């Protein structure tokens, strides 16, 4: 897989202060997250227990996650995407596609936020 941190960062930076819809598919389960993106961070984890991925993408801002119980607020107004050793990203003006070894993410601008 092609790692492209510039694609990730550039698309997300261009879409700060907008509402994003994130669809995550992992192990046959799907989650839907909505977040008003305020900031983006790429962090490096130094985890000796190999519990955390080496790096992660942190999307900061208020948001919700759809659960079986309904909508729940994001914990700490942060959504973390673990970036495994192999991942790839591609983007166009309306969406960002991200694939890691663990999950696939589709991040789109919420049409209602324009």
C-alpha atoms as a PDB file:
ATOM      1  CA  UNK A   1       0.000   0.000   0.000  1.00  0.00           C
ATOM      2  CA  UNK A   2       1.127   3.521  -0.731  1.00  0.00           C
ATOM      3  CA  UNK A   3       1.530   5.739   2.305  1.00  0.00           C
ATOM      4  CA  UNK A   4       0.608   9.303   1.484  1.00  0.00           C
ATOM      5  CA  UNK A   5       0.590  11.495   4.618  1.00  0.00           C
ATOM      6  CA  UNK A   6       0.572  14.651   2.489  1.00  0.00           C
ATOM      7  CA  UNK A   7      -2.698  13.581   0.819  1.00  0.00           C
ATOM      8  CA  UNK A   8      -4.284  13.028   4.226  1.00  0.00           C
ATOM      9  CA  UNK A   9      -3.061  16.227   5.823  1.00  0.00           C
ATOM     10  CA  UNK A  10      -3.745  18.468   2.813  1.00  0.00           C
ATOM     11  CA  UNK A  11      -7.344  17.295   2.315  1.00  0.00           C
ATOM     12  CA  UNK A  12      -8.140  17.545   6.015  1.00  0.00           C
ATOM     13  CA  UNK A  13      -6.483  20.970   6.388  1.00  0.00           C
ATOM     14  CA  UNK A  14      -8.509  22.267   3.432  1.00  0.00           C
ATOM     15  CA  UNK A  15     -11.703  21.084   5.099  1.00  0.00           C
ATOM     16  CA  UNK A  16     -11.272  22.458   8.606  1.00  0.00           C
ATOM     17  CA  UNK A  17     -14.367  24.070  10.077  1.00  0.00           C
ATOM     18  CA  UNK A  18     -16.586  21.828   7.963  1.00  0.00           C
ATOM     19  CA  UNK A  19     -18.690  18.905   9.035  1.00  0.00           C
ATOM     20  CA  UNK A  20     -17.377  15.535   7.886  1.00  0.00           C
ATOM     21  CA  UNK A  21     -19.122  12.196   7.682  1.00  0.00           C
ATOM     22  CA  UNK A  22     -16.789   9.271   8.344  1.00  0.00           C
ATOM     23  CA  UNK A  23     -17.821   5.759   7.410  1.00  0.00           C
ATOM     24  CA  UNK A  24     -15.596   3.105   8.927  1.00  0.00           C
ATOM     25  CA  UNK A  25     -15.746  -0.571   8.004  1.00  0.00           C
ATOM     26  CA  UNK A  26     -13.823  -3.040  10.154  1.00  0.00           C
ATOM     27  CA  UNK A  27     -14.365  -6.789  10.525  1.00  0.00           C
ATOM     28  CA  UNK A  28     -17.674  -6.593   8.662  1.00  0.00           C
ATOM     29  CA  UNK A  29     -19.034  -3.923  11.021  1.00  0.00           C
ATOM     30  CA  UNK A  30     -19.796  -0.388   9.950  1.00  0.00           C
ATOM     31  CA  UNK A  31     -19.695   2.799  12.006  1.00  0.00           C
ATOM     32  CA  UNK A  32     -20.835   6.271  11.049  1.00  0.00           C
ATOM     33  CA  UNK A  33     -19.208   9.266  12.701  1.00  0.00           C
ATOM     34  CA  UNK A  34     -20.003  12.922  12.149  1.00  0.00           C
ATOM     35  CA  UNK A  35     -17.437  15.530  13.227  1.00  0.00           C
ATOM     36  CA  UNK A  36     -17.024  19.290  12.812  1.00  0.00           C
ATOM     37  CA  UNK A  37     -13.304  19.261  12.069  1.00  0.00           C
ATOM     38  CA  UNK A  38     -11.387  21.875  14.040  1.00  0.00           C
ATOM     39  CA  UNK A  39      -7.851  20.498  13.945  1.00  0.00           C
ATOM     40  CA  UNK A  40      -5.769  17.595  12.634  1.00  0.00           C
ATOM     41  CA  UNK A  41      -2.718  15.971  14.216  1.00  0.00           C
ATOM     42  CA  UNK A  42      -0.440  13.127  13.170  1.00  0.00           C
ATOM     43  CA  UNK A  43       1.040  11.574  16.289  1.00  0.00           C
ATOM     44  CA  UNK A  44       3.792   9.051  16.823  1.00  0.00           C
ATOM     45  CA  UNK A  45       3.235   6.405  19.495  1.00  0.00           C
ATOM     46  CA  UNK A  46       6.175   4.890  21.317  1.00  0.00           C
ATOM     47  CA  UNK A  47       4.411   1.837  22.734  1.00  0.00           C
ATOM     48  CA  UNK A  48       6.650  -0.916  24.064  1.00  0.00           C
ATOM     49  CA  UNK A  49       3.666  -3.299  24.408  1.00  0.00           C
ATOM     50  CA  UNK A  50       2.665  -3.035  20.727  1.00  0.00           C
ATOM     51  CA  UNK A  51      -0.886  -2.119  21.798  1.00  0.00           C
ATOM     52  CA  UNK A  52      -0.988   1.140  19.830  1.00  0.00           C
ATOM     53  CA  UNK A  53      -0.111   1.593  16.169  1.00  0.00           C
ATOM     54  CA  UNK A  54       3.139   3.391  15.434  1.00  0.00           C
ATOM     55  CA  UNK A  55       1.319   6.486  14.237  1.00  0.00           C
ATOM     56  CA  UNK A  56      -2.219   7.800  14.328  1.00  0.00           C
ATOM     57  CA  UNK A  57      -4.319  10.505  12.760  1.00  0.00           C
ATOM     58  CA  UNK A  58      -6.284  12.560  15.282  1.00  0.00           C
ATOM     59  CA  UNK A  59      -9.329  14.433  14.059  1.00  0.00           C
ATOM     60  CA  UNK A  60     -10.330  17.029  16.652  1.00  0.00           C
ATOM     61  CA  UNK A  61     -13.732  18.617  17.001  1.00  0.00           C
ATOM     62  CA  UNK A  62     -17.198  18.002  18.362  1.00  0.00           C
ATOM     63  CA  UNK A  63     -18.994  15.063  16.852  1.00  0.00           C
ATOM     64  CA  UNK A  64     -21.193  12.037  17.255  1.00  0.00           C
ATOM     65  CA  UNK A  65     -21.027   8.328  16.582  1.00  0.00           C
ATOM     66  CA  UNK A  66     -24.102   6.326  15.635  1.00  0.00           C
ATOM     67  CA  UNK A  67     -24.590   3.325  17.920  1.00  0.00           C
ATOM     68  CA  UNK A  68     -27.361   0.809  18.426  1.00  0.00           C
ATOM     69  CA  UNK A  69     -28.650   3.120  21.149  1.00  0.00           C
ATOM     70  CA  UNK A  70     -28.717   6.181  18.860  1.00  0.00           C
ATOM     71  CA  UNK A  71     -26.238   9.043  18.603  1.00  0.00           C
ATOM     72  CA  UNK A  72     -23.504   9.362  21.233  1.00  0.00           C
ATOM     73  CA  UNK A  73     -20.963  12.214  21.525  1.00  0.00           C
ATOM     74  CA  UNK A  74     -17.361  11.494  20.604  1.00  0.00           C
ATOM     75  CA  UNK A  75     -15.221  10.972  23.698  1.00  0.00           C
ATOM     76  CA  UNK A  76     -13.048  14.049  24.292  1.00  0.00           C
ATOM     77  CA  UNK A  77     -14.054  15.539  20.900  1.00  0.00           C
ATOM     78  CA  UNK A  78     -11.390  13.380  19.201  1.00  0.00           C
ATOM     79  CA  UNK A  79     -11.635  10.628  16.603  1.00  0.00           C
ATOM     80  CA  UNK A  80      -8.457   8.560  16.230  1.00  0.00           C
ATOM     81  CA  UNK A  81      -7.516   6.584  13.141  1.00  0.00           C
ATOM     82  CA  UNK A  82      -4.667   4.132  13.707  1.00  0.00           C
ATOM     83  CA  UNK A  83      -2.213   4.110  10.835  1.00  0.00           C
ATOM     84  CA  UNK A  84      -0.643   0.694  10.608  1.00  0.00           C
ATOM     85  CA  UNK A  85       2.627  -0.066   8.835  1.00  0.00           C
ATOM     86  CA  UNK A  86       0.838  -0.288   5.488  1.00  0.00           C
ATOM     87  CA  UNK A  87      -1.912   2.130   4.513  1.00  0.00           C
ATOM     88  CA  UNK A  88      -2.986   4.214   1.551  1.00  0.00           C
ATOM     89  CA  UNK A  89      -5.050   7.311   0.895  1.00  0.00           C
ATOM     90  CA  UNK A  90      -6.623   8.989  -2.109  1.00  0.00           C
ATOM     91  CA  UNK A  91      -8.710  12.139  -2.327  1.00  0.00           C
ATOM     92  CA  UNK A  92     -10.826  14.299  -4.580  1.00  0.00           C
ATOM     93  CA  UNK A  93     -12.540  17.595  -3.850  1.00  0.00           C
ATOM     94  CA  UNK A  94     -15.492  15.951  -1.976  1.00  0.00           C
ATOM     95  CA  UNK A  95     -14.019  12.895  -0.263  1.00  0.00           C
ATOM     96  CA  UNK A  96     -11.008  11.134   1.186  1.00  0.00           C
ATOM     97  CA  UNK A  97     -10.556   7.358   1.030  1.00  0.00           C
ATOM     98  CA  UNK A  98      -8.225   5.738   3.556  1.00  0.00           C
ATOM     99  CA  UNK A  99      -7.372   2.065   3.793  1.00  0.00           C
ATOM    100  CA  UNK A 100      -5.344   0.560   6.615  1.00  0.00           C
ATOM    101  CA  UNK A 101      -4.566  -3.055   7.429  1.00  0.00           C
ATOM    102  CA  UNK A 102      -7.421  -2.992   9.963  1.00  0.00           C
ATOM    103  CA  UNK A 103     -10.160  -0.854   8.421  1.00  0.00           C
ATOM    104  CA  UNK A 104     -11.438   1.168   5.473  1.00  0.00           C
ATOM    105  CA  UNK A 105     -12.562   4.766   5.901  1.00  0.00           C
ATOM    106  CA  UNK A 106     -14.602   6.963   3.621  1.00  0.00           C
ATOM    107  CA  UNK A 107     -14.551  10.598   4.732  1.00  0.00           C
ATOM    108  CA  UNK A 108     -16.909  12.968   2.962  1.00  0.00           C
ATOM    109  CA  UNK A 109     -18.030  16.547   3.325  1.00  0.00           C
ATOM    110  CA  UNK A 110     -21.524  16.735   4.795  1.00  0.00           C
ATOM    111  CA  UNK A 111     -23.703  18.273   2.078  1.00  0.00           C
ATOM    112  CA  UNK A 112     -25.716  20.036   4.774  1.00  0.00           C
ATOM    113  CA  UNK A 113     -22.664  21.950   6.059  1.00  0.00           C
ATOM    114  CA  UNK A 114     -22.326  24.221   3.014  1.00  0.00           C
END
